């Protein structure tokens, strides 16, 4: 009995590499957005410490320090989403992959 063979499409071999983060951050606006992204992460994860230090330096009350902390957290979130909007999806995918690799690496070390 003859067997029917399905035609197989061969994919052409190309040497295309995924773009690197350095190649995607190539304009002054994108460089500024990347710095904003880094600052936003510092604000999001360290807003309490930053608010506490600022409050201690200029002698704020506890309520004012809490309000300052909330404002810093909101500012960090706004900066994060604005920088992602400027950098675009390819840069976000690269940053997400790097973050996952760091966490995966730390899990294998433990």
N, C-alpha and C. Protein backbone atom coordinates (compact mmCIF):
# COMPACT_ATOMS: atom_id res chain seq x y z
N UNK A 1 0.82 -1.18 0.00
CA UNK A 1 0.00 0.00 0.00
C UNK A 1 0.87 1.25 0.00
N UNK A 2 0.60 2.13 -0.88
CA UNK A 2 1.40 3.35 -0.89
C UNK A 2 0.97 4.27 0.26
N UNK A 3 1.92 4.88 0.87
CA UNK A 3 1.63 5.83 1.94
C UNK A 3 1.75 7.23 1.38
N UNK A 4 0.86 8.04 1.79
CA UNK A 4 0.92 9.43 1.31
C UNK A 4 1.80 10.24 2.26
N UNK A 5 2.63 11.00 1.69
CA UNK A 5 3.49 11.86 2.50
C UNK A 5 3.03 13.29 2.34
N UNK A 6 3.00 13.96 3.43
CA UNK A 6 2.60 15.35 3.41
C UNK A 6 3.83 16.20 3.08
N UNK A 7 3.63 17.20 2.29
CA UNK A 7 4.78 18.07 2.01
C UNK A 7 5.19 18.81 3.28
N UNK A 8 6.46 18.88 3.48
CA UNK A 8 7.01 19.54 4.67
C UNK A 8 7.63 20.86 4.23
N UNK A 9 7.18 21.91 4.86
CA UNK A 9 7.77 23.21 4.56
C UNK A 9 9.04 23.37 5.37
N UNK A 10 10.09 23.64 4.70
CA UNK A 10 11.35 23.84 5.40
C UNK A 10 11.47 25.31 5.75
N UNK A 11 11.83 25.55 6.98
CA UNK A 11 12.01 26.94 7.41
C UNK A 11 13.42 27.37 7.04
N UNK A 12 13.53 28.53 6.44
CA UNK A 12 14.87 28.98 6.07
C UNK A 12 15.69 29.30 7.31
N UNK A 13 16.94 28.97 7.26
CA UNK A 13 17.83 29.24 8.38
C UNK A 13 18.35 30.65 8.23
N UNK A 14 18.09 31.43 9.24
CA UNK A 14 18.58 32.81 9.23
C UNK A 14 19.38 33.05 10.49
N UNK A 15 20.20 34.00 10.44
CA UNK A 15 21.02 34.36 11.59
C UNK A 15 20.45 35.59 12.29
N UNK A 16 19.15 35.67 12.35
CA UNK A 16 18.53 36.79 13.04
C UNK A 16 18.57 36.55 14.54
N UNK A 17 19.06 37.53 15.23
CA UNK A 17 19.10 37.44 16.68
C UNK A 17 18.08 38.41 17.26
N UNK A 18 17.61 38.09 18.43
CA UNK A 18 16.68 38.98 19.10
C UNK A 18 17.40 40.29 19.44
N UNK A 19 16.70 41.39 19.32
CA UNK A 19 17.36 42.66 19.63
C UNK A 19 17.75 42.74 21.10
N UNK A 20 18.86 43.35 21.35
CA UNK A 20 19.34 43.54 22.71
C UNK A 20 18.76 44.84 23.26
N UNK A 21 18.76 44.95 24.57
CA UNK A 21 18.21 46.13 25.21
C UNK A 21 18.97 47.38 24.78
N UNK A 22 20.27 47.25 24.63
CA UNK A 22 21.10 48.39 24.23
C UNK A 22 20.70 48.91 22.85
N UNK A 23 20.28 48.02 21.97
CA UNK A 23 19.86 48.42 20.62
C UNK A 23 18.48 49.09 20.63
N UNK A 24 17.64 48.74 21.59
CA UNK A 24 16.30 49.31 21.64
C UNK A 24 16.27 50.68 22.31
N UNK A 25 17.23 50.93 23.19
CA UNK A 25 17.28 52.22 23.87
C UNK A 25 18.28 53.08 23.11
N UNK A 26 17.81 53.63 21.99
CA UNK A 26 18.72 54.30 21.08
C UNK A 26 18.42 55.78 20.87
N UNK A 27 17.42 56.32 21.53
CA UNK A 27 17.09 57.74 21.40
C UNK A 27 17.15 58.39 22.77
N UNK A 28 17.30 59.71 22.82
CA UNK A 28 17.32 60.38 24.13
C UNK A 28 16.05 60.15 24.95
N UNK A 29 14.89 60.10 24.28
CA UNK A 29 13.65 59.86 25.02
C UNK A 29 13.61 58.47 25.63
N UNK A 30 14.11 57.49 24.90
CA UNK A 30 14.11 56.13 25.43
C UNK A 30 15.14 55.98 26.54
N UNK A 31 16.26 56.69 26.45
CA UNK A 31 17.24 56.67 27.55
C UNK A 31 16.64 57.30 28.80
N UNK A 32 15.94 58.40 28.61
CA UNK A 32 15.27 59.05 29.74
C UNK A 32 14.19 58.14 30.32
N UNK A 33 13.45 57.45 29.47
CA UNK A 33 12.41 56.53 29.93
C UNK A 33 13.03 55.36 30.69
N UNK A 34 14.20 54.90 30.26
CA UNK A 34 14.86 53.79 30.97
C UNK A 34 15.31 54.23 32.35
N UNK A 35 15.86 55.43 32.46
CA UNK A 35 16.24 55.97 33.77
C UNK A 35 14.99 56.12 34.63
N UNK A 36 13.89 56.59 34.02
CA UNK A 36 12.63 56.69 34.75
C UNK A 36 12.13 55.35 35.23
N UNK A 37 12.34 54.31 34.42
CA UNK A 37 11.94 52.96 34.82
C UNK A 37 12.73 52.51 36.04
N UNK A 38 14.03 52.75 36.04
CA UNK A 38 14.85 52.37 37.19
C UNK A 38 14.45 53.15 38.43
N UNK A 39 14.23 54.46 38.28
CA UNK A 39 13.81 55.27 39.42
C UNK A 39 12.43 54.85 39.93
N UNK A 40 11.55 54.49 39.01
CA UNK A 40 10.21 54.06 39.44
C UNK A 40 10.28 52.79 40.27
N UNK A 41 11.18 51.88 39.92
CA UNK A 41 11.32 50.66 40.72
C UNK A 41 11.86 50.97 42.10
N UNK A 42 12.78 51.91 42.18
CA UNK A 42 13.28 52.32 43.50
C UNK A 42 12.17 52.94 44.33
N UNK A 43 11.31 53.74 43.70
CA UNK A 43 10.20 54.35 44.44
C UNK A 43 9.15 53.33 44.84
N UNK A 44 8.83 52.40 43.94
CA UNK A 44 7.79 51.42 44.24
C UNK A 44 8.21 50.52 45.40
N UNK A 45 9.46 50.06 45.38
CA UNK A 45 9.89 49.13 46.42
C UNK A 45 10.48 49.81 47.65
N UNK A 46 10.88 51.07 47.54
CA UNK A 46 11.49 51.73 48.69
C UNK A 46 10.79 52.99 49.12
N UNK A 47 9.49 53.10 48.81
CA UNK A 47 8.80 54.35 49.11
C UNK A 47 8.73 54.63 50.61
N UNK A 48 8.62 53.61 51.43
CA UNK A 48 8.55 53.83 52.87
C UNK A 48 9.86 54.36 53.43
N UNK A 49 10.95 53.77 52.98
CA UNK A 49 12.26 54.23 53.45
C UNK A 49 12.55 55.65 52.98
N UNK A 50 12.23 55.94 51.73
CA UNK A 50 12.46 57.28 51.19
C UNK A 50 11.60 58.30 51.93
N UNK A 51 10.34 57.98 52.14
CA UNK A 51 9.45 58.89 52.86
C UNK A 51 9.91 59.08 54.30
N UNK A 52 10.39 58.02 54.94
CA UNK A 52 10.88 58.13 56.30
C UNK A 52 12.10 59.02 56.41
N UNK A 53 13.01 58.87 55.47
CA UNK A 53 14.22 59.70 55.50
C UNK A 53 13.88 61.16 55.23
N UNK A 54 13.05 61.41 54.23
CA UNK A 54 12.65 62.79 53.92
C UNK A 54 11.90 63.39 55.11
N UNK A 55 11.01 62.61 55.71
CA UNK A 55 10.25 63.09 56.86
C UNK A 55 11.13 63.39 58.05
N UNK A 56 12.16 62.58 58.27
CA UNK A 56 13.06 62.83 59.39
C UNK A 56 13.92 64.07 59.14
N UNK A 57 14.33 64.27 57.91
CA UNK A 57 15.19 65.41 57.60
C UNK A 57 14.45 66.73 57.76
N UNK A 58 13.20 66.78 57.30
CA UNK A 58 12.48 68.05 57.39
C UNK A 58 11.42 68.05 58.50
N UNK A 59 11.53 67.14 59.44
CA UNK A 59 10.69 67.08 60.65
C UNK A 59 9.20 67.09 60.34
N UNK A 60 8.75 66.07 59.65
CA UNK A 60 7.33 65.93 59.36
C UNK A 60 6.66 65.05 60.42
N UNK A 61 5.35 65.21 60.56
CA UNK A 61 4.60 64.35 61.48
C UNK A 61 4.39 62.99 60.82
N UNK A 62 3.90 62.03 61.61
CA UNK A 62 3.68 60.68 61.10
C UNK A 62 2.64 60.67 59.98
N UNK A 63 1.60 61.49 60.11
CA UNK A 63 0.57 61.55 59.08
C UNK A 63 1.14 62.13 57.79
N UNK A 64 1.97 63.15 57.92
CA UNK A 64 2.58 63.74 56.74
C UNK A 64 3.55 62.77 56.06
N UNK A 65 4.28 62.00 56.86
CA UNK A 65 5.19 61.00 56.30
C UNK A 65 4.40 59.92 55.57
N UNK A 66 3.27 59.50 56.14
CA UNK A 66 2.43 58.49 55.48
C UNK A 66 1.87 59.04 54.17
N UNK A 67 1.45 60.29 54.17
CA UNK A 67 0.95 60.90 52.94
C UNK A 67 2.06 61.02 51.90
N UNK A 68 3.25 61.40 52.34
CA UNK A 68 4.38 61.49 51.43
C UNK A 68 4.71 60.12 50.85
N UNK A 69 4.65 59.07 51.68
CA UNK A 69 4.90 57.71 51.21
C UNK A 69 3.89 57.28 50.16
N UNK A 70 2.62 57.57 50.40
CA UNK A 70 1.59 57.24 49.41
C UNK A 70 1.80 57.99 48.11
N UNK A 71 2.17 59.26 48.22
CA UNK A 71 2.43 60.05 47.01
C UNK A 71 3.63 59.52 46.24
N UNK A 72 4.67 59.10 46.95
CA UNK A 72 5.85 58.54 46.28
C UNK A 72 5.52 57.21 45.60
N UNK A 73 4.69 56.42 46.23
CA UNK A 73 4.29 55.14 45.62
C UNK A 73 3.51 55.39 44.33
N UNK A 74 2.55 56.32 44.37
CA UNK A 74 1.76 56.65 43.18
C UNK A 74 2.69 57.21 42.09
N UNK A 75 3.62 58.07 42.47
CA UNK A 75 4.57 58.62 41.50
C UNK A 75 5.39 57.50 40.85
N UNK A 76 5.81 56.52 41.64
CA UNK A 76 6.56 55.39 41.10
C UNK A 76 5.73 54.59 40.10
N UNK A 77 4.47 54.37 40.40
CA UNK A 77 3.60 53.63 39.48
C UNK A 77 3.38 54.39 38.18
N UNK A 78 3.16 55.69 38.28
CA UNK A 78 2.95 56.51 37.09
C UNK A 78 4.22 56.51 36.24
N UNK A 79 5.38 56.67 36.87
CA UNK A 79 6.64 56.65 36.12
C UNK A 79 6.86 55.30 35.46
N UNK A 80 6.49 54.22 36.13
CA UNK A 80 6.66 52.88 35.56
C UNK A 80 5.84 52.72 34.28
N UNK A 81 4.56 53.03 34.35
CA UNK A 81 3.71 52.84 33.18
C UNK A 81 4.06 53.81 32.06
N UNK A 82 4.48 55.03 32.39
CA UNK A 82 4.88 55.99 31.36
C UNK A 82 6.15 55.51 30.67
N UNK A 83 7.10 54.99 31.43
CA UNK A 83 8.35 54.54 30.82
C UNK A 83 8.13 53.29 29.96
N UNK A 84 7.24 52.40 30.39
CA UNK A 84 6.93 51.24 29.57
C UNK A 84 6.24 51.67 28.28
N UNK A 85 5.39 52.67 28.35
CA UNK A 85 4.71 53.16 27.15
C UNK A 85 5.72 53.76 26.17
N UNK A 86 6.74 54.44 26.68
CA UNK A 86 7.74 55.05 25.81
C UNK A 86 8.70 54.01 25.27
N UNK A 87 9.13 53.08 26.13
CA UNK A 87 10.10 52.07 25.68
C UNK A 87 9.49 51.08 24.70
N UNK A 88 8.24 50.75 24.87
CA UNK A 88 7.57 49.84 23.96
C UNK A 88 7.62 48.40 24.42
N UNK A 89 6.88 47.57 23.72
CA UNK A 89 6.73 46.17 24.08
C UNK A 89 8.02 45.36 23.95
N UNK A 90 8.85 45.55 22.92
CA UNK A 90 10.08 44.75 22.83
C UNK A 90 11.02 44.95 24.02
N UNK A 91 11.15 46.19 24.47
CA UNK A 91 12.01 46.46 25.62
C UNK A 91 11.42 45.83 26.88
N UNK A 92 10.10 45.91 27.02
CA UNK A 92 9.44 45.32 28.18
C UNK A 92 9.63 43.80 28.20
N UNK A 93 9.54 43.17 27.05
CA UNK A 93 9.72 41.71 26.97
C UNK A 93 11.14 41.33 27.36
N UNK A 94 12.13 42.11 26.91
CA UNK A 94 13.52 41.82 27.27
C UNK A 94 13.73 41.98 28.77
N UNK A 95 13.21 43.06 29.35
CA UNK A 95 13.35 43.29 30.79
C UNK A 95 12.65 42.21 31.60
N UNK A 96 11.48 41.78 31.14
CA UNK A 96 10.74 40.72 31.84
C UNK A 96 11.52 39.40 31.79
N UNK A 97 12.12 39.09 30.64
CA UNK A 97 12.90 37.86 30.51
C UNK A 97 14.13 37.91 31.41
N UNK A 98 14.77 39.07 31.50
CA UNK A 98 15.93 39.19 32.38
C UNK A 98 15.53 39.02 33.85
N UNK A 99 14.40 39.60 34.22
CA UNK A 99 13.95 39.47 35.61
C UNK A 99 13.62 38.02 35.93
N UNK A 100 12.97 37.33 35.00
CA UNK A 100 12.66 35.91 35.22
C UNK A 100 13.95 35.09 35.32
N UNK A 101 14.94 35.43 34.52
CA UNK A 101 16.22 34.70 34.58
C UNK A 101 16.91 34.92 35.92
N UNK A 102 16.83 36.14 36.46
CA UNK A 102 17.44 36.40 37.76
C UNK A 102 16.76 35.58 38.85
N UNK A 103 15.42 35.53 38.82
CA UNK A 103 14.71 34.77 39.84
C UNK A 103 14.94 33.27 39.67
N UNK A 104 15.00 32.81 38.44
CA UNK A 104 15.26 31.41 38.19
C UNK A 104 16.66 31.03 38.66
N UNK A 105 17.62 31.92 38.43
CA UNK A 105 19.00 31.70 38.85
C UNK A 105 19.09 31.64 40.37
N UNK A 106 18.37 32.53 41.05
CA UNK A 106 18.43 32.55 42.51
C UNK A 106 17.76 31.31 43.11
N UNK A 107 16.75 30.77 42.45
CA UNK A 107 16.10 29.55 42.95
C UNK A 107 17.01 28.35 42.81
N UNK A 108 17.79 28.30 41.74
CA UNK A 108 18.70 27.15 41.55
C UNK A 108 19.88 27.23 42.51
N UNK A 109 20.22 28.42 42.97
CA UNK A 109 21.33 28.58 43.90
C UNK A 109 20.95 28.14 45.31
N UNK A 110 19.66 28.24 45.65
CA UNK A 110 19.21 27.93 47.03
C UNK A 110 19.19 26.45 47.30
